Amino acid sequence: MALAGTCLIPLVAHAQFVIPGTGQKVTAVGDDFEDPEWSYIFNLPKSSEENDEQRRFPSGQSSNGRWFEGLKRGQPDVIKRVPTPEGGLAGSEGALLMVSRQTGIPGRYSHQMQQDDFIVNVRSRVRGAIPVSRSPSVVVRVYLPPWEEWEERTGPSFGFRAACLTHKNEKKKRSGFFGGTTSKRVSETYWPGMFIQFNRGDGDERPDSAVLIVRGGSRGHDFRGPKIEETGWWTLGMSFTPNGAVHYFARPGVEDLTASDHISSQYPYSYRCEHLDTFFFNVCSGDNGHWSTPWIIDNAELYISGSYATRSTRTR
């Protein structure tokens, strides 16, 4: 495996990061997929609110209560426990396969890039969102299949993201003769994260490759992270610190993240994160009748500083 290339945006000045995976593991959240009876209840058809304003209930959820369908875009078409691919975490026997063919509106192809949402149940399992004063972080191992198994489409293929809560000033024009504006503080949710983008080769001089795309910069724009030239296992992580910054990490292999795996620290959209609400995964495709790249994840985990008295935790 190889990690090459650098991000094309400067780091947030003086941002002190927390390495994802340090502190207390919140065992009530996330999954290691070791239960051989692991299963998912789809409750089809899926939701597709983003495309046609349709939320379809009941929504999909895992039998262990740790995962659920995103109502905005719906869940992947295939969600299945599989044997851990070679080179995974020591002792791991199970991982999770996610793959999709119909990523847009059920029963209809848009022939445009669409994505599904597979969401970790955080809020109801720890009784609320996690304040950044606890320096929460999330980590996952992701298996990148051989290049010949990827969807033949240049563009985003997989996403590892978070739902963050903050407040912003909202301005409204006053009515009446004198006009002017008023401002009030309103709550806002935003979704920073990392995408794995496939870059299809030409079959000759330019080989297939991929790159991590980070979302995002202070203006909300995406930027390039490390280039991925070899497939196999990768470890991805994000942390959220009391200063409101989001910190992005990645490394090839399944070893724990270190400071040298830090990609960037940002205030996406110029927001200051106040709470981590959840984290989730995107499976993307061309929504054209072809299957997406098959994505496998393992050990999706949440860590915090201190402990949650209402749930058992473990120190790493």
C-alpha atoms as a PDB file:
ATOM      1  CA  MET A   1       0.000   0.000   0.000  1.00  0.00           C
ATOM      2  CA  ALA A   2       1.124   3.544  -0.610  1.00  0.00           C
ATOM      3  CA  LEU A   3       0.080   6.963   0.569  1.00  0.00           C
ATOM      4  CA  ALA A   4       1.317   9.754  -1.638  1.00  0.00           C
ATOM      5  CA  GLY A   5       0.529  13.372  -2.309  1.00  0.00           C
ATOM      6  CA  THR A   6      -0.371  16.242  -0.031  1.00  0.00           C
ATOM      7  CA  CYS A   7      -3.447  18.346   0.616  1.00  0.00           C
ATOM      8  CA  LEU A   8      -3.727  21.506  -1.425  1.00  0.00           C
ATOM      9  CA  ILE A   9      -5.135  23.722   1.352  1.00  0.00           C
ATOM     10  CA  PRO A  10      -3.218  25.035   4.380  1.00  0.00           C
ATOM     11  CA  LEU A  11      -4.076  23.783   7.841  1.00  0.00           C
ATOM     12  CA  VAL A  12      -6.123  25.860  10.248  1.00  0.00           C
ATOM     13  CA  ALA A  13      -3.604  28.071  12.024  1.00  0.00           C
ATOM     14  CA  HIS A  14      -2.576  26.794  15.459  1.00  0.00           C
ATOM     15  CA  ALA A  15      -5.273  24.096  15.520  1.00  0.00           C
ATOM     16  CA  GLN A  16      -4.398  21.566  18.238  1.00  0.00           C
ATOM     17  CA  PHE A  17      -5.738  18.213  17.090  1.00  0.00           C
ATOM     18  CA  VAL A  18      -6.748  15.032  18.887  1.00  0.00           C
ATOM     19  CA  ILE A  19      -5.685  11.787  17.222  1.00  0.00           C
ATOM     20  CA  PRO A  20      -8.832   9.794  16.411  1.00  0.00           C
ATOM     21  CA  GLY A  21      -9.096   6.644  18.505  1.00  0.00           C
ATOM     22  CA  THR A  22      -7.623   8.067  21.710  1.00  0.00           C
ATOM     23  CA  GLY A  23      -9.510   8.359  24.979  1.00  0.00           C
ATOM     24  CA  GLN A  24     -12.460   6.196  25.986  1.00  0.00           C
ATOM     25  CA  LYS A  25     -14.168   3.941  23.464  1.00  0.00           C
ATOM     26  CA  VAL A  26     -17.943   4.315  23.687  1.00  0.00           C
ATOM     27  CA  THR A  27     -18.958   0.667  23.363  1.00  0.00           C
ATOM     28  CA  ALA A  28     -22.664   1.510  23.122  1.00  0.00           C
ATOM     29  CA  VAL A  29     -21.975   3.089  19.705  1.00  0.00           C
ATOM     30  CA  GLY A  30     -20.498   1.594  16.545  1.00  0.00           C
ATOM     31  CA  ASP A  31     -19.915  -2.022  15.565  1.00  0.00           C
ATOM     32  CA  ASP A  32     -17.228  -4.670  15.062  1.00  0.00           C
ATOM     33  CA  PHE A  33     -19.533  -7.044  13.111  1.00  0.00           C
ATOM     34  CA  GLU A  34     -18.312 -10.082  15.043  1.00  0.00           C
ATOM     35  CA  ASP A  35     -21.818 -11.335  15.803  1.00  0.00           C
ATOM     36  CA  PRO A  36     -22.482 -14.152  13.278  1.00  0.00           C
ATOM     37  CA  GLU A  37     -26.210 -13.394  13.580  1.00  0.00           C
ATOM     38  CA  TRP A  38     -25.750  -9.760  12.481  1.00  0.00           C
ATOM     39  CA  SER A  39     -28.580  -8.769  10.151  1.00  0.00           C
ATOM     40  CA  TYR A  40     -30.284  -5.770   8.586  1.00  0.00           C
ATOM     41  CA  ILE A  41     -34.009  -5.119   8.085  1.00  0.00           C
ATOM     42  CA  PHE A  42     -34.443  -3.064   4.884  1.00  0.00           C
ATOM     43  CA  ASN A  43     -38.150  -2.154   5.039  1.00  0.00           C
ATOM     44  CA  LEU A  44     -38.167  -1.304   1.333  1.00  0.00           C
ATOM     45  CA  PRO A  45     -38.673   0.866  -0.613  1.00  0.00           C
ATOM     46  CA  LYS A  46     -35.973   3.150   0.716  1.00  0.00           C
ATOM     47  CA  SER A  47     -36.361   6.872   1.343  1.00  0.00           C
ATOM     48  CA  SER A  48     -35.234   9.418  -1.258  1.00  0.00           C
ATOM     49  CA  GLU A  49     -36.163  12.776   0.250  1.00  0.00           C
ATOM     50  CA  GLU A  50     -33.304  14.625  -1.435  1.00  0.00           C
ATOM     51  CA  ASN A  51     -34.618  13.738  -4.899  1.00  0.00           C
ATOM     52  CA  ASP A  52     -38.403  13.523  -4.559  1.00  0.00           C
ATOM     53  CA  GLU A  53     -39.236  14.674  -1.005  1.00  0.00           C
ATOM     54  CA  GLN A  54     -40.308  11.138  -0.078  1.00  0.00           C
ATOM     55  CA  ARG A  55     -39.617   9.701   3.372  1.00  0.00           C
ATOM     56  CA  ARG A  56     -40.801   6.097   3.379  1.00  0.00           C
ATOM     57  CA  PHE A  57     -41.595   4.469   6.704  1.00  0.00           C
ATOM     58  CA  PRO A  58     -40.792   2.252   8.435  1.00  0.00           C
ATOM     59  CA  SER A  59     -37.137   2.942   7.685  1.00  0.00           C
ATOM     60  CA  GLY A  60     -34.364   0.361   7.571  1.00  0.00           C
ATOM     61  CA  GLN A  61     -32.365  -0.574  10.658  1.00  0.00           C
ATOM     62  CA  SER A  62     -29.963  -3.224  11.901  1.00  0.00           C
ATOM     63  CA  SER A  63     -31.245  -5.903  14.248  1.00  0.00           C
ATOM     64  CA  ASN A  64     -28.768  -4.779  16.933  1.00  0.00           C
ATOM     65  CA  GLY A  65     -30.057  -1.190  16.923  1.00  0.00           C
ATOM     66  CA  ARG A  66     -26.659   0.297  16.026  1.00  0.00           C
ATOM     67  CA  TRP A  67     -27.394   1.370  12.421  1.00  0.00           C
ATOM     68  CA  PHE A  68     -30.231   2.943  10.502  1.00  0.00           C
ATOM     69  CA  GLU A  69     -31.228   4.184   7.073  1.00  0.00           C
ATOM     70  CA  GLY A  70     -30.715   7.835   6.224  1.00  0.00           C
ATOM     71  CA  LEU A  71     -34.082   9.360   5.324  1.00  0.00           C
ATOM     72  CA  LYS A  72     -32.488  11.964   3.059  1.00  0.00           C
ATOM     73  CA  ARG A  73     -31.142   9.450   0.532  1.00  0.00           C
ATOM     74  CA  GLY A  74     -31.921   5.938   1.766  1.00  0.00           C
ATOM     75  CA  GLN A  75     -29.671   2.988   2.571  1.00  0.00           C
ATOM     76  CA  PRO A  76     -27.405   0.945   0.246  1.00  0.00           C
ATOM     77  CA  ASP A  77     -29.062  -1.887  -1.705  1.00  0.00           C
ATOM     78  CA  VAL A  78     -26.854  -4.554  -0.105  1.00  0.00           C
ATOM     79  CA  ILE A  79     -25.861  -4.420   3.576  1.00  0.00           C
ATOM     80  CA  LYS A  80     -24.414  -7.759   4.658  1.00  0.00           C
ATOM     81  CA  ARG A  81     -21.958  -9.197   7.150  1.00  0.00           C
ATOM     82  CA  VAL A  82     -19.093 -10.937   5.324  1.00  0.00           C
ATOM     83  CA  PRO A  83     -15.817 -12.631   6.311  1.00  0.00           C
ATOM     84  CA  THR A  84     -13.076 -10.084   6.988  1.00  0.00           C
ATOM     85  CA  PRO A  85     -10.841  -9.687   3.908  1.00  0.00           C
ATOM     86  CA  GLU A  86      -7.199 -10.662   4.221  1.00  0.00           C
ATOM     87  CA  GLY A  87      -5.009  -8.170   6.063  1.00  0.00           C
ATOM     88  CA  GLY A  88      -7.753  -6.912   8.375  1.00  0.00           C
ATOM     89  CA  LEU A  89      -7.576  -6.309  12.101  1.00  0.00           C
ATOM     90  CA  ALA A  90      -6.074  -9.160  14.115  1.00  0.00           C
ATOM     91  CA  GLY A  91      -8.786 -11.500  15.339  1.00  0.00           C
ATOM     92  CA  SER A  92     -11.511  -9.979  13.173  1.00  0.00           C
ATOM     93  CA  GLU A  93     -13.751 -12.582  11.558  1.00  0.00           C
ATOM     94  CA  GLY A  94     -16.590 -10.354  10.369  1.00  0.00           C
ATOM     95  CA  ALA A  95     -16.879  -7.076   8.462  1.00  0.00           C
ATOM     96  CA  LEU A  96     -19.684  -5.267   6.622  1.00  0.00           C
ATOM     97  CA  LEU A  97     -20.251  -5.175   2.861  1.00  0.00           C
ATOM     98  CA  MET A  98     -22.138  -2.231   1.333  1.00  0.00           C
ATOM     99  CA  VAL A  99     -22.919  -2.006  -2.380  1.00  0.00           C
ATOM    100  CA  SER A 100     -25.641  -0.246  -4.389  1.00  0.00           C
ATOM    101  CA  ARG A 101     -27.107  -0.183  -7.877  1.00  0.00           C
ATOM    102  CA  GLN A 102     -30.060   2.148  -7.359  1.00  0.00           C
ATOM    103  CA  THR A 103     -28.746   5.116  -5.383  1.00  0.00           C
ATOM    104  CA  GLY A 104     -31.427   7.619  -6.382  1.00  0.00           C
ATOM    105  CA  ILE A 105     -35.226   7.255  -6.446  1.00  0.00           C
ATOM    106  CA  PRO A 106     -36.483   3.653  -6.095  1.00  0.00           C
ATOM    107  CA  GLY A 107     -37.568   2.229  -9.451  1.00  0.00           C
ATOM    108  CA  ARG A 108     -36.055   5.036 -11.490  1.00  0.00           C
ATOM    109  CA  TYR A 109     -32.529   5.743 -12.802  1.00  0.00           C
ATOM    110  CA  SER A 110     -31.300   9.330 -13.002  1.00  0.00           C
ATOM    111  CA  HIS A 111     -28.047   8.539 -14.886  1.00  0.00           C
ATOM    112  CA  GLN A 112     -26.360  11.021 -12.545  1.00  0.00           C
ATOM    113  CA  MET A 113     -24.121  10.472  -9.543  1.00  0.00           C
ATOM    114  CA  GLN A 114     -26.251   9.659  -6.484  1.00  0.00           C
ATOM    115  CA  GLN A 115     -25.420   8.373  -3.007  1.00  0.00           C
ATOM    116  CA  ASP A 116     -26.911   6.341  -0.172  1.00  0.00           C
ATOM    117  CA  ASP A 117     -26.564   7.044   3.561  1.00  0.00           C
ATOM    118  CA  PHE A 118     -25.837   4.377   6.190  1.00  0.00           C
ATOM    119  CA  ILE A 119     -25.907   5.995   9.614  1.00  0.00           C
ATOM    120  CA  VAL A 120     -24.435   5.047  12.986  1.00  0.00           C
ATOM    121  CA  ASN A 121     -26.945   5.349  15.818  1.00  0.00           C
ATOM    122  CA  VAL A 122     -25.289   7.749  18.268  1.00  0.00           C
ATOM    123  CA  ARG A 123     -27.896  10.041  19.780  1.00  0.00           C
ATOM    124  CA  SER A 124     -30.332   7.475  21.176  1.00  0.00           C
ATOM    125  CA  ARG A 125     -27.564   5.211  22.492  1.00  0.00           C
ATOM    126  CA  VAL A 126     -25.748   7.886  24.503  1.00  0.00           C
ATOM    127  CA  ARG A 127     -28.807  10.044  25.169  1.00  0.00           C
ATOM    128  CA  GLY A 128     -27.870  13.023  23.059  1.00  0.00           C
ATOM    129  CA  ALA A 129     -25.248  14.568  20.806  1.00  0.00           C
ATOM    130  CA  ILE A 130     -21.610  14.626  22.011  1.00  0.00           C
ATOM    131  CA  PRO A 131     -20.311  18.098  22.989  1.00  0.00           C
ATOM    132  CA  VAL A 132     -16.912  18.999  21.551  1.00  0.00           C
ATOM    133  CA  SER A 133     -15.725  19.662  25.101  1.00  0.00           C
ATOM    134  CA  ARG A 134     -15.394  15.848  25.202  1.00  0.00           C
ATOM    135  CA  SER A 135     -13.113  15.866  22.123  1.00  0.00           C
ATOM    136  CA  PRO A 136     -15.069  13.124  20.310  1.00  0.00           C
ATOM    137  CA  SER A 137     -13.423  11.204  17.502  1.00  0.00           C
ATOM    138  CA  VAL A 138     -14.506   8.515  15.056  1.00  0.00           C
ATOM    139  CA  VAL A 139     -12.451   5.794  13.369  1.00  0.00           C
ATOM    140  CA  VAL A 140     -13.141   3.101  10.777  1.00  0.00           C
ATOM    141  CA  ARG A 141     -11.210   0.538   8.765  1.00  0.00           C
ATOM    142  CA  VAL A 142     -12.148   0.513   5.075  1.00  0.00           C
ATOM    143  CA  TYR A 143     -11.287  -2.178   2.537  1.00  0.00           C
ATOM    144  CA  LEU A 144     -10.588  -0.907  -0.980  1.00  0.00           C
ATOM    145  CA  PRO A 145     -11.133  -3.786  -3.455  1.00  0.00           C
ATOM    146  CA  PRO A 146      -8.807  -4.501  -6.404  1.00  0.00           C
ATOM    147  CA  TRP A 147      -9.108  -1.896  -9.159  1.00  0.00           C
ATOM    148  CA  GLU A 148     -10.884  -4.301 -11.510  1.00  0.00           C
ATOM    149  CA  GLU A 149     -13.826  -4.475  -9.058  1.00  0.00           C
ATOM    150  CA  TRP A 150     -14.437  -0.710  -8.996  1.00  0.00           C
ATOM    151  CA  GLU A 151     -17.344   0.908 -10.807  1.00  0.00           C
ATOM    152  CA  GLU A 152     -15.983   2.233 -14.113  1.00  0.00           C
ATOM    153  CA  ARG A 153     -16.703   5.861 -13.331  1.00  0.00           C
ATOM    154  CA  THR A 154     -14.389   8.704 -12.359  1.00  0.00           C
ATOM    155  CA  GLY A 155     -15.884  10.420  -9.340  1.00  0.00           C
ATOM    156  CA  PRO A 156     -16.811   9.936  -5.665  1.00  0.00           C
ATOM    157  CA  SER A 157     -17.338   6.295  -4.700  1.00  0.00           C
ATOM    158  CA  PHE A 158     -17.389   6.169  -0.883  1.00  0.00           C
ATOM    159  CA  GLY A 159     -17.842   8.666   1.930  1.00  0.00           C
ATOM    160  CA  PHE A 160     -16.980   8.692   5.645  1.00  0.00           C
ATOM    161  CA  ARG A 161     -18.714  11.680   7.204  1.00  0.00           C
ATOM    162  CA  ALA A 162     -20.090  13.253  10.357  1.00  0.00           C
ATOM    163  CA  ALA A 163     -23.153  15.291  11.251  1.00  0.00           C
ATOM    164  CA  CYS A 164     -22.039  18.324  13.264  1.00  0.00           C
ATOM    165  CA  LEU A 165     -24.240  20.797  15.121  1.00  0.00           C
ATOM    166  CA  THR A 166     -23.540  24.509  15.508  1.00  0.00           C
ATOM    167  CA  HIS A 167     -25.252  27.920  15.551  1.00  0.00           C
ATOM    168  CA  LYS A 168     -25.054  30.705  12.998  1.00  0.00           C
ATOM    169  CA  ASN A 169     -26.341  34.242  12.601  1.00  0.00           C
ATOM    170  CA  GLU A 170     -29.329  34.481  10.290  1.00  0.00           C
ATOM    171  CA  LYS A 171     -30.160  37.887   8.856  1.00  0.00           C
ATOM    172  CA  LYS A 172     -33.635  38.930   7.726  1.00  0.00           C
ATOM    173  CA  LYS A 173     -34.800  42.139   6.087  1.00  0.00           C
ATOM    174  CA  ARG A 174     -37.172  44.274   8.115  1.00  0.00           C
ATOM    175  CA  SER A 175     -40.426  45.247   6.516  1.00  0.00           C
ATOM    176  CA  GLY A 176     -41.766  48.760   6.653  1.00  0.00           C
ATOM    177  CA  PHE A 177     -40.600  52.221   5.698  1.00  0.00           C
ATOM    178  CA  PHE A 178     -37.219  52.174   7.464  1.00  0.00           C
ATOM    179  CA  GLY A 179     -36.163  48.700   6.290  1.00  0.00           C
ATOM    180  CA  GLY A 180     -32.830  47.417   7.535  1.00  0.00           C
ATOM    181  CA  THR A 181     -32.029  43.905   8.769  1.00  0.00           C
ATOM    182  CA  THR A 182     -32.375  41.869  11.943  1.00  0.00           C
ATOM    183  CA  SER A 183     -30.114  39.045  13.054  1.00  0.00           C
ATOM    184  CA  LYS A 184     -30.768  36.046  15.264  1.00  0.00           C
ATOM    185  CA  ARG A 185     -28.894  32.897  16.240  1.00  0.00           C
ATOM    186  CA  VAL A 186     -30.261  29.706  14.693  1.00  0.00           C
ATOM    187  CA  SER A 187     -29.140  26.082  14.876  1.00  0.00           C
ATOM    188  CA  GLU A 188     -27.388  24.533  11.882  1.00  0.00           C
ATOM    189  CA  THR A 189     -26.322  21.016  10.896  1.00  0.00           C
ATOM    190  CA  TYR A 190     -23.406  20.426   8.523  1.00  0.00           C
ATOM    191  CA  TRP A 191     -21.652  17.311   7.247  1.00  0.00           C
ATOM    192  CA  PRO A 192     -17.852  17.345   7.005  1.00  0.00           C
ATOM    193  CA  GLY A 193     -15.978  14.221   5.992  1.00  0.00           C
ATOM    194  CA  MET A 194     -13.824  12.434   3.450  1.00  0.00           C
ATOM    195  CA  PHE A 195     -14.704  10.877   0.102  1.00  0.00           C
ATOM    196  CA  ILE A 196     -12.735   8.268  -1.800  1.00  0.00           C
ATOM    197  CA  GLN A 197     -12.772   9.355  -5.439  1.00  0.00           C
ATOM    198  CA  PHE A 198     -11.927   6.876  -8.188  1.00  0.00           C
ATOM    199  CA  ASN A 199      -9.846   8.143 -11.107  1.00  0.00           C
ATOM    200  CA  ARG A 200     -10.239   5.732 -13.999  1.00  0.00           C
ATOM    201  CA  GLY A 201      -7.075   5.033 -15.957  1.00  0.00           C
ATOM    202  CA  ASP A 202      -6.733   4.917 -19.719  1.00  0.00           C
ATOM    203  CA  GLY A 203      -5.719   1.249 -19.862  1.00  0.00           C
ATOM    204  CA  ASP A 204      -2.296   2.254 -21.108  1.00  0.00           C
ATOM    205  CA  GLU A 205       0.018   4.839 -19.578  1.00  0.00           C
ATOM    206  CA  ARG A 206      -2.296   6.124 -16.851  1.00  0.00           C
ATOM    207  CA  PRO A 207      -3.266   3.434 -14.312  1.00  0.00           C
ATOM    208  CA  ASP A 208      -6.394   3.390 -12.189  1.00  0.00           C
ATOM    209  CA  SER A 209      -6.005   5.288  -8.921  1.00  0.00           C
ATOM    210  CA  ALA A 210      -7.996   7.000  -6.208  1.00  0.00           C
ATOM    211  CA  VAL A 211      -7.670  10.049  -4.008  1.00  0.00           C
ATOM    212  CA  LEU A 212      -9.121  11.193  -0.709  1.00  0.00           C
ATOM    213  CA  ILE A 213     -11.284  14.292  -1.085  1.00  0.00           C
ATOM    214  CA  VAL A 214     -11.754  16.305   2.107  1.00  0.00           C
ATOM    215  CA  ARG A 215     -14.947  18.231   2.865  1.00  0.00           C
ATOM    216  CA  GLY A 216     -14.230  20.862   3.472  1.00  0.00           C
ATOM    217  CA  GLY A 217     -12.561  24.232   3.625  1.00  0.00           C
ATOM    218  CA  SER A 218     -13.727  27.449   5.243  1.00  0.00           C
ATOM    219  CA  ARG A 219     -15.843  28.311   2.182  1.00  0.00           C
ATOM    220  CA  GLY A 220     -17.351  24.818   2.069  1.00  0.00           C
ATOM    221  CA  HIS A 221     -15.264  23.675  -0.881  1.00  0.00           C
ATOM    222  CA  ASP A 222     -13.739  20.197  -1.219  1.00  0.00           C
ATOM    223  CA  PHE A 223      -9.982  19.727  -1.555  1.00  0.00           C
ATOM    224  CA  ARG A 224      -7.613  16.912  -2.437  1.00  0.00           C
ATOM    225  CA  GLY A 225      -5.938  14.828   0.231  1.00  0.00           C
ATOM    226  CA  PRO A 226      -3.588  11.841  -0.123  1.00  0.00           C
ATOM    227  CA  LYS A 227      -3.446   9.936  -3.386  1.00  0.00           C
ATOM    228  CA  ILE A 228      -4.233   6.209  -3.207  1.00  0.00           C
ATOM    229  CA  GLU A 229      -2.180   4.149  -5.621  1.00  0.00           C
ATOM    230  CA  GLU A 230      -2.661   0.683  -4.103  1.00  0.00           C
ATOM    231  CA  THR A 231      -5.788  -0.980  -2.778  1.00  0.00           C
ATOM    232  CA  GLY A 232      -6.446  -2.951   0.412  1.00  0.00           C
ATOM    233  CA  TRP A 233      -7.177  -1.799   3.954  1.00  0.00           C
ATOM    234  CA  TRP A 234      -7.088   1.847   5.036  1.00  0.00           C
ATOM    235  CA  THR A 235      -7.784   3.483   8.385  1.00  0.00           C
ATOM    236  CA  LEU A 236      -9.762   6.748   8.359  1.00  0.00           C
ATOM    237  CA  GLY A 237     -10.509   9.028  11.291  1.00  0.00           C
ATOM    238  CA  MET A 238     -11.898  12.421  12.256  1.00  0.00           C
ATOM    239  CA  SER A 239     -11.780  14.311  15.541  1.00  0.00           C
ATOM    240  CA  PHE A 240     -13.683  17.335  16.838  1.00  0.00           C
ATOM    241  CA  THR A 241     -12.012  19.612  19.364  1.00  0.00           C
ATOM    242  CA  PRO A 242     -13.263  22.237  21.846  1.00  0.00           C
ATOM    243  CA  ASN A 243     -12.116  25.057  19.542  1.00  0.00           C
ATOM    244  CA  GLY A 244     -14.716  23.882  16.998  1.00  0.00           C
ATOM    245  CA  ALA A 245     -12.252  22.540  14.429  1.00  0.00           C
ATOM    246  CA  VAL A 246     -12.554  19.278  12.502  1.00  0.00           C
ATOM    247  CA  HIS A 247      -9.389  17.208  12.048  1.00  0.00           C
ATOM    248  CA  TYR A 248      -8.909  14.639   9.265  1.00  0.00           C
ATOM    249  CA  PHE A 249      -6.625  11.582   9.371  1.00  0.00           C
ATOM    250  CA  ALA A 250      -5.882   8.624   7.080  1.00  0.00           C
ATOM    251  CA  ARG A 251      -3.275   5.910   6.666  1.00  0.00           C
ATOM    252  CA  PRO A 252      -2.886   2.699   4.655  1.00  0.00           C
ATOM    253  CA  GLY A 253      -3.280  -0.505   6.662  1.00  0.00           C
ATOM    254  CA  VAL A 254      -5.186  -1.211   9.864  1.00  0.00           C
ATOM    255  CA  GLU A 255      -2.733   0.163  12.430  1.00  0.00           C
ATOM    256  CA  ASP A 256      -3.906   2.841  14.875  1.00  0.00           C
ATOM    257  CA  LEU A 257      -3.717   6.408  13.608  1.00  0.00           C
ATOM    258  CA  THR A 258      -0.806   8.601  14.687  1.00  0.00           C
ATOM    259  CA  ALA A 259       0.074  12.283  14.429  1.00  0.00           C
ATOM    260  CA  SER A 260       1.912  11.603  11.156  1.00  0.00           C
ATOM    261  CA  ASP A 261      -1.403  10.542   9.579  1.00  0.00           C
ATOM    262  CA  HIS A 262      -2.907  14.020  10.027  1.00  0.00           C
ATOM    263  CA  ILE A 263      -4.167  15.382   6.693  1.00  0.00           C
ATOM    264  CA  SER A 264      -5.694  18.715   7.654  1.00  0.00           C
ATOM    265  CA  SER A 265      -7.575  20.708  10.293  1.00  0.00           C
ATOM    266  CA  GLN A 266     -10.416  22.935   9.151  1.00  0.00           C
ATOM    267  CA  TYR A 267     -13.434  25.000  10.126  1.00  0.00           C
ATOM    268  CA  PRO A 268     -15.737  23.749   7.326  1.00  0.00           C
ATOM    269  CA  TYR A 269     -18.039  26.487   6.000  1.00  0.00           C
ATOM    270  CA  SER A 270     -16.361  28.735   8.626  1.00  0.00           C
ATOM    271  CA  TYR A 271     -18.513  27.019  11.282  1.00  0.00           C
ATOM    272  CA  ARG A 272     -17.359  26.117  14.776  1.00  0.00           C
ATOM    273  CA  CYS A 273     -18.530  22.628  15.686  1.00  0.00           C
ATOM    274  CA  GLU A 274     -20.436  22.522  18.994  1.00  0.00           C
ATOM    275  CA  HIS A 275     -21.692  18.915  19.052  1.00  0.00           C
ATOM    276  CA  LEU A 276     -21.081  15.684  17.153  1.00  0.00           C
ATOM    277  CA  ASP A 277     -24.522  14.295  16.323  1.00  0.00           C
ATOM    278  CA  THR A 278     -23.556  11.128  14.451  1.00  0.00           C
ATOM    279  CA  PHE A 279     -21.254   9.701  11.789  1.00  0.00           C
ATOM    280  CA  PHE A 280     -22.194   7.820   8.645  1.00  0.00           C
ATOM    281  CA  PHE A 281     -21.132   6.302   5.340  1.00  0.00           C
ATOM    282  CA  ASN A 282     -22.000   7.097   1.722  1.00  0.00           C
ATOM    283  CA  VAL A 283     -22.021   4.584  -1.122  1.00  0.00           C
ATOM    284  CA  CYS A 284     -22.026   6.424  -4.468  1.00  0.00           C
ATOM    285  CA  SER A 285     -22.795   5.278  -7.999  1.00  0.00           C
ATOM    286  CA  GLY A 286     -23.758   6.597 -11.418  1.00  0.00           C
ATOM    287  CA  ASP A 287     -27.386   5.508 -10.755  1.00  0.00           C
ATOM    288  CA  ASN A 288     -27.502   3.961 -14.221  1.00  0.00           C
ATOM    289  CA  GLY A 289     -28.196   0.269 -13.604  1.00  0.00           C
ATOM    290  CA  HIS A 290     -24.570  -0.645 -12.885  1.00  0.00           C
ATOM    291  CA  TRP A 291     -23.413  -1.721  -9.438  1.00  0.00           C
ATOM    292  CA  SER A 292     -21.291   0.583  -7.314  1.00  0.00           C
ATOM    293  CA  THR A 293     -17.870  -0.384  -6.067  1.00  0.00           C
ATOM    294  CA  PRO A 294     -18.262  -3.003  -3.294  1.00  0.00           C
ATOM    295  CA  TRP A 295     -17.235  -1.357  -0.026  1.00  0.00           C
ATOM    296  CA  ILE A 296     -16.304  -3.218   3.154  1.00  0.00           C
ATOM    297  CA  ILE A 297     -15.889  -1.554   6.548  1.00  0.00           C
ATOM    298  CA  ASP A 298     -14.855  -2.865   9.956  1.00  0.00           C
ATOM    299  CA  ASN A 299     -14.729  -1.536  13.503  1.00  0.00           C
ATOM    300  CA  ALA A 300     -16.641   1.726  13.186  1.00  0.00           C
ATOM    301  CA  GLU A 301     -15.880   3.351  16.553  1.00  0.00           C
ATOM    302  CA  LEU A 302     -16.551   6.456  18.646  1.00  0.00           C
ATOM    303  CA  TYR A 303     -14.106   7.747  21.283  1.00  0.00           C
ATOM    304  CA  ILE A 304     -14.382  10.566  23.818  1.00  0.00           C
ATOM    305  CA  SER A 305     -12.339  12.113  26.596  1.00  0.00           C
ATOM    306  CA  GLY A 306     -13.657  11.093  29.998  1.00  0.00           C
ATOM    307  CA  SER A 307     -16.494   8.586  30.184  1.00  0.00           C
ATOM    308  CA  TYR A 308     -20.227   8.249  29.773  1.00  0.00           C
ATOM    309  CA  ALA A 309     -21.675   6.994  33.027  1.00  0.00           C
ATOM    310  CA  THR A 310     -24.769   5.619  31.291  1.00  0.00           C
ATOM    311  CA  ARG A 311     -22.842   3.225  29.072  1.00  0.00           C
ATOM    312  CA  SER A 312     -19.843   0.923  29.530  1.00  0.00           C
ATOM    313  CA  THR A 313     -16.603   2.189  27.978  1.00  0.00           C
ATOM    314  CA  ARG A 314     -13.089   0.917  27.432  1.00  0.00           C
ATOM    315  CA  THR A 315      -9.739   2.732  27.515  1.00  0.00           C
ATOM    316  CA  ARG A 316      -7.332   2.309  24.637  1.00  0.00           C
END
